[in-house]
C-alpha atoms as a PDB file:
ATOM      1  CA  MET A   1     -81.766 -16.985 -10.684  1.00  0.00           C
ATOM      2  CA  SER A   2     -78.485 -15.997  -9.154  1.00  0.00           C
ATOM      3  CA  LEU A   3     -75.302 -15.274 -11.567  1.00  0.00           C
ATOM      4  CA  ARG A   4     -72.654 -16.823 -10.515  1.00  0.00           C
ATOM      5  CA  ARG A   5     -68.933 -15.880 -11.531  1.00  0.00           C
ATOM      6  CA  LEU A   6     -67.426 -18.751 -13.032  1.00  0.00           C
ATOM      7  CA  PRO A   7     -63.163 -19.408 -12.364  1.00  0.00           C
ATOM      8  CA  SER A   8     -61.278 -18.111 -14.792  1.00  0.00           C
ATOM      9  CA  THR A   9     -59.150 -20.205 -16.900  1.00  0.00           C
ATOM     10  CA  ALA A  10     -56.682 -17.135 -18.162  1.00  0.00           C
ATOM     11  CA  PRO A  11     -53.561 -17.210 -16.878  1.00  0.00           C
ATOM     12  CA  LYS A  12     -52.572 -14.921 -14.230  1.00  0.00           C
ATOM     13  CA  ARG A  13     -50.570 -11.915 -15.139  1.00  0.00           C
ATOM     14  CA  THR A  14     -47.718 -11.319 -12.672  1.00  0.00           C
ATOM     15  CA  ARG A  15     -45.583  -8.258 -12.689  1.00  0.00           C
ATOM     16  CA  ARG A  16     -42.078  -8.249 -13.707  1.00  0.00           C
ATOM     17  CA  ALA A  17     -40.572  -4.948 -12.802  1.00  0.00           C
ATOM     18  CA  PHE A  18     -38.807  -3.091 -10.061  1.00  0.00           C
ATOM     19  CA  THR A  19     -40.827  -1.119  -7.930  1.00  0.00           C
ATOM     20  CA  PHE A  20     -39.759   2.433  -6.636  1.00  0.00           C
ATOM     21  CA  ILE A  21     -38.767   1.268  -3.200  1.00  0.00           C
ATOM     22  CA  ASP A  22     -36.468  -1.384  -5.199  1.00  0.00           C
ATOM     23  CA  LEU A  23     -34.979   1.373  -7.040  1.00  0.00           C
ATOM     24  CA  THR A  24     -34.357   3.844  -4.235  1.00  0.00           C
ATOM     25  CA  ILE A  25     -32.873   1.145  -2.212  1.00  0.00           C
ATOM     26  CA  SER A  26     -30.649   0.067  -4.736  1.00  0.00           C
ATOM     27  CA  VAL A  27     -29.448   3.887  -5.461  1.00  0.00           C
ATOM     28  CA  LEU A  28     -28.806   4.139  -1.808  1.00  0.00           C
ATOM     29  CA  ILE A  29     -26.322   1.180  -1.620  1.00  0.00           C
ATOM     30  CA  LEU A  30     -24.635   2.770  -4.712  1.00  0.00           C
ATOM     31  CA  GLY A  31     -24.339   5.902  -2.814  1.00  0.00           C
ATOM     32  CA  ILE A  32     -22.919   4.647   0.104  1.00  0.00           C
ATOM     33  CA  LEU A  33     -20.665   2.855  -1.699  1.00  0.00           C
ATOM     34  CA  ALA A  34     -19.214   5.440  -3.724  1.00  0.00           C
ATOM     35  CA  ALA A  35     -18.852   7.360  -0.840  1.00  0.00           C
ATOM     36  CA  VAL A  36     -16.860   4.964   1.106  1.00  0.00           C
ATOM     37  CA  ALA A  37     -14.563   4.165  -2.070  1.00  0.00           C
ATOM     38  CA  SER A  38     -13.951   7.888  -3.434  1.00  0.00           C
ATOM     39  CA  PRO A  39     -11.253   8.671  -0.926  1.00  0.00           C
ATOM     40  CA  LYS A  40      -9.030   5.789  -1.128  1.00  0.00           C
ATOM     41  CA  PHE A  41      -9.466   6.118  -5.200  1.00  0.00           C
ATOM     42  CA  ILE A  42      -8.483   9.981  -4.885  1.00  0.00           C
ATOM     43  CA  ALA A  43      -5.715   9.220  -2.514  1.00  0.00           C
ATOM     44  CA  ALA A  44      -4.517   6.470  -5.208  1.00  0.00           C
ATOM     45  CA  LEU A  45      -4.674   8.625  -8.184  1.00  0.00           C
ATOM     46  CA  ASN A  46      -2.621  11.278  -6.088  1.00  0.00           C
ATOM     47  CA  LYS A  47      -0.063   8.570  -5.080  1.00  0.00           C
ATOM     48  CA  GLN A  48       0.501   7.510  -8.542  1.00  0.00           C
ATOM     49  CA  ARG A  49       0.476  10.948 -10.448  1.00  0.00           C
ATOM     50  CA  VAL A  50       3.411  11.890  -7.768  1.00  0.00           C
ATOM     51  CA  GLU A  51       5.282   8.897  -8.586  1.00  0.00           C
ATOM     52  CA  ALA A  52       5.221   9.131 -12.058  1.00  0.00           C
ATOM     53  CA  ALA A  53       6.151  13.018 -12.146  1.00  0.00           C
ATOM     54  CA  ALA A  54       9.244  11.689  -9.578  1.00  0.00           C
ATOM     55  CA  GLU A  55      10.148   9.001 -12.241  1.00  0.00           C
ATOM     56  CA  ARG A  56      10.115  11.585 -15.185  1.00  0.00           C
ATOM     57  CA  VAL A  57      12.350  13.634 -13.367  1.00  0.00           C
ATOM     58  CA  ARG A  58      14.736  11.077 -12.131  1.00  0.00           C
ATOM     59  CA  ALA A  59      15.164   9.571 -15.653  1.00  0.00           C
ATOM     60  CA  ASP A  60      15.764  13.319 -17.234  1.00  0.00           C
ATOM     61  CA  LEU A  61      18.359  13.924 -14.612  1.00  0.00           C
ATOM     62  CA  GLN A  62      20.036  10.525 -15.714  1.00  0.00           C
ATOM     63  CA  LEU A  63      19.326  11.845 -19.499  1.00  0.00           C
ATOM     64  CA  ALA A  64      21.364  15.084 -18.788  1.00  0.00           C
ATOM     65  CA  ARG A  65      24.090  13.261 -16.829  1.00  0.00           C
ATOM     66  CA  THR A  66      24.327  10.699 -19.594  1.00  0.00           C
ATOM     67  CA  THR A  67      24.639  13.869 -22.349  1.00  0.00           C
ATOM     68  CA  ALA A  68      26.709  15.829 -20.566  1.00  0.00           C
ATOM     69  CA  LEU A  69      28.968  12.650 -20.216  1.00  0.00           C
ATOM     70  CA  ALA A  70      28.314  12.024 -23.935  1.00  0.00           C
ATOM     71  CA  LEU A  71      29.083  15.171 -25.247  1.00  0.00           C
ATOM     72  CA  SER A  72      31.745  16.603 -23.255  1.00  0.00           C
ATOM     73  CA  THR A  73      29.810  19.410 -22.311  1.00  0.00           C
ATOM     74  CA  SER A  74      27.964  20.880 -19.047  1.00  0.00           C
ATOM     75  CA  GLN A  75      24.117  20.335 -18.882  1.00  0.00           C
ATOM     76  CA  SER A  76      21.994  22.122 -16.768  1.00  0.00           C
ATOM     77  CA  VAL A  77      18.718  21.257 -15.385  1.00  0.00           C
ATOM     78  CA  ALA A  78      16.296  24.049 -14.206  1.00  0.00           C
ATOM     79  CA  PHE A  79      13.502  23.976 -11.375  1.00  0.00           C
ATOM     80  CA  ASP A  80      10.788  26.240 -11.163  1.00  0.00           C
ATOM     81  CA  PRO A  81       8.284  25.613  -8.131  1.00  0.00           C
ATOM     82  CA  ALA A  82       6.097  28.695  -9.082  1.00  0.00           C
ATOM     83  CA  THR A  83       5.254  27.521 -12.526  1.00  0.00           C
ATOM     84  CA  GLU A  84       5.757  23.566 -11.744  1.00  0.00           C
ATOM     85  CA  THR A  85       7.959  23.414 -14.817  1.00  0.00           C
ATOM     86  CA  TYR A  86      11.640  22.573 -15.416  1.00  0.00           C
ATOM     87  CA  LEU A  87      13.682  23.230 -18.329  1.00  0.00           C
ATOM     88  CA  ALA A  88      16.697  20.968 -19.329  1.00  0.00           C
ATOM     89  CA  ALA A  89      18.576  23.263 -21.472  1.00  0.00           C
ATOM     90  CA  GLY A  90      20.862  21.419 -24.116  1.00  0.00           C
ATOM     91  CA  LEU A  91      18.667  18.730 -24.184  1.00  0.00           C
ATOM     92  CA  ALA A  92      16.881  17.820 -27.568  1.00  0.00           C
ATOM     93  CA  ASN A  93      12.807  17.966 -27.076  1.00  0.00           C
ATOM     94  CA  VAL A  94      11.835  14.915 -29.168  1.00  0.00           C
ATOM     95  CA  ASN A  95       8.129  15.788 -29.086  1.00  0.00           C
ATOM     96  CA  ARG A  96       9.022  19.385 -30.697  1.00  0.00           C
ATOM     97  CA  PRO A  97      12.233  19.398 -32.562  1.00  0.00           C
ATOM     98  CA  GLY A  98      13.880  23.137 -32.126  1.00  0.00           C
ATOM     99  CA  ALA A  99      12.425  23.726 -29.108  1.00  0.00           C
ATOM    100  CA  ALA A 100      13.630  23.928 -25.697  1.00  0.00           C
ATOM    101  CA  TYR A 101      13.584  20.556 -23.384  1.00  0.00           C
ATOM    102  CA  SER A 102      10.657  21.666 -20.721  1.00  0.00           C
ATOM    103  CA  VAL A 103       8.640  19.291 -18.825  1.00  0.00           C
ATOM    104  CA  ASP A 104       5.002  21.199 -17.218  1.00  0.00           C
ATOM    105  CA  LEU A 105       4.380  18.912 -14.099  1.00  0.00           C
ATOM    106  CA  SER A 106       0.717  20.401 -13.540  1.00  0.00           C
ATOM    107  CA  ASP A 107      -0.333  18.943 -17.041  1.00  0.00           C
ATOM    108  CA  SER A 108      -1.819  15.515 -17.894  1.00  0.00           C
ATOM    109  CA  PRO A 109      -0.857  12.770 -16.764  1.00  0.00           C
ATOM    110  CA  TYR A 110       1.362  14.249 -13.656  1.00  0.00           C
ATOM    111  CA  ALA A 111      -1.047  17.045 -12.237  1.00  0.00           C
ATOM    112  CA  ALA A 112       1.429  16.887  -9.326  1.00  0.00           C
ATOM    113  CA  ASP A 113       3.592  20.476  -7.711  1.00  0.00           C
ATOM    114  CA  ILE A 114       7.116  20.723  -7.316  1.00  0.00           C
ATOM    115  CA  VAL A 115       7.262  21.462  -3.675  1.00  0.00           C
ATOM    116  CA  SER A 116      10.946  22.135  -3.507  1.00  0.00           C
ATOM    117  CA  ALA A 117      13.659  22.211  -5.155  1.00  0.00           C
ATOM    118  CA  ASP A 118      17.113  22.784  -3.650  1.00  0.00           C
ATOM    119  CA  PHE A 119      20.678  21.898  -4.967  1.00  0.00           C
ATOM    120  CA  GLY A 120      23.363  23.500  -2.908  1.00  0.00           C
ATOM    121  CA  GLY A 121      20.701  26.677  -2.446  1.00  0.00           C
ATOM    122  CA  SER A 122      19.815  26.615  -6.069  1.00  0.00           C
ATOM    123  CA  ALA A 123      16.990  25.310  -7.771  1.00  0.00           C
ATOM    124  CA  THR A 124      19.098  24.719 -11.206  1.00  0.00           C
ATOM    125  CA  VAL A 125      21.984  21.592 -11.293  1.00  0.00           C
ATOM    126  CA  VAL A 126      24.572  21.446 -13.602  1.00  0.00           C
ATOM    127  CA  PHE A 127      26.174  18.229 -14.570  1.00  0.00           C
ATOM    128  CA  ASP A 128      30.275  19.253 -15.886  1.00  0.00           C
ATOM    129  CA  HIS A 129      31.680  17.002 -18.816  1.00  0.00           C
ATOM    130  CA  TYR A 130      32.457  14.026 -16.736  1.00  0.00           C
ATOM    131  CA  GLY A 131      28.817  14.221 -15.731  1.00  0.00           C
ATOM    132  CA  ALA A 132      29.296  14.912 -12.202  1.00  0.00           C
ATOM    133  CA  PRO A 133      26.678  17.471 -10.650  1.00  0.00           C
ATOM    134  CA  ASP A 134      28.021  20.965  -9.129  1.00  0.00           C
ATOM    135  CA  HIS A 135      25.745  19.667  -6.011  1.00  0.00           C
ATOM    136  CA  GLY A 136      23.525  17.145  -4.771  1.00  0.00           C
ATOM    137  CA  GLY A 137      20.265  17.658  -3.849  1.00  0.00           C
ATOM    138  CA  VAL A 138      16.578  17.139  -3.530  1.00  0.00           C
ATOM    139  CA  VAL A 139      13.440  17.444  -5.212  1.00  0.00           C
ATOM    140  CA  THR A 140      10.331  17.089  -3.606  1.00  0.00           C
ATOM    141  CA  PHE A 141       6.534  16.699  -5.452  1.00  0.00           C
ATOM    142  CA  GLY A 142       3.081  16.610  -3.927  1.00  0.00           C
ATOM    143  CA  SER A 143      -0.107  15.996  -4.664  1.00  0.00           C
ATOM    144  CA  GLY A 144      -2.971  16.183  -2.083  1.00  0.00           C
ATOM    145  CA  SER A 145      -1.385  14.530   0.838  1.00  0.00           C
ATOM    146  CA  TYR A 146       1.016  12.690  -0.747  1.00  0.00           C
ATOM    147  CA  GLN A 147       4.658  13.745  -1.282  1.00  0.00           C
ATOM    148  CA  GLN A 148       7.580  11.935  -2.920  1.00  0.00           C
ATOM    149  CA  THR A 149      11.370  12.961  -3.274  1.00  0.00           C
ATOM    150  CA  VAL A 150      14.453  12.423  -6.036  1.00  0.00           C
ATOM    151  CA  THR A 151      17.728  12.837  -4.653  1.00  0.00           C
ATOM    152  CA  LEU A 152      20.554  13.761  -6.827  1.00  0.00           C
ATOM    153  CA  TRP A 153      23.627  12.631  -5.207  1.00  0.00           C
ATOM    154  CA  ALA A 154      26.801  14.684  -5.241  1.00  0.00           C
ATOM    155  CA  GLU A 155      29.287  11.939  -4.911  1.00  0.00           C
ATOM    156  CA  THR A 156      28.071   9.775  -8.107  1.00  0.00           C
ATOM    157  CA  GLY A 157      25.614  12.201  -9.859  1.00  0.00           C
ATOM    158  CA  ARG A 158      23.087   9.445  -9.807  1.00  0.00           C
ATOM    159  CA  ALA A 159      19.409  10.215  -9.296  1.00  0.00           C
ATOM    160  CA  SER A 160      17.443   8.085  -7.166  1.00  0.00           C
ATOM    161  CA  ILE A 161      13.696   7.810  -5.595  1.00  0.00           C
ATOM    162  CA  PRO A 162      14.014   6.392  -2.454  1.00  0.00           C
END
């Protein structure tokens, strides 16, 4: 008598998992996408940092000019490219009462460099009691390959970003 196997009525089990090849292909695709997107992300981040630093300096130059007008006294803003900082003597520091108004552009959120500051051969600009600067000039900022300038107009005392 020969034994014959009867067909099974039990449901077949199917695998519901990813194979190693599926996982490897997915990781490879993600790596390629990251390699393509990362330079653009870094460039956009550098552009945002420089533009934020330029806007901060523009606003602080306007603040120094307005304060000089309001108090009828001179106000100076001194840039130090070596330390990536600038000091606005005579302005109140709202974050640290009693301390000098100083901004470090190498810190977050700016993380930018002061490439150059030139106000008639000096890195310091002084607004007189009428709000007029002693010299016009430009301050240039950089981060990565991106640069931005702030222009201070001698005729009007206004700061602008081109």
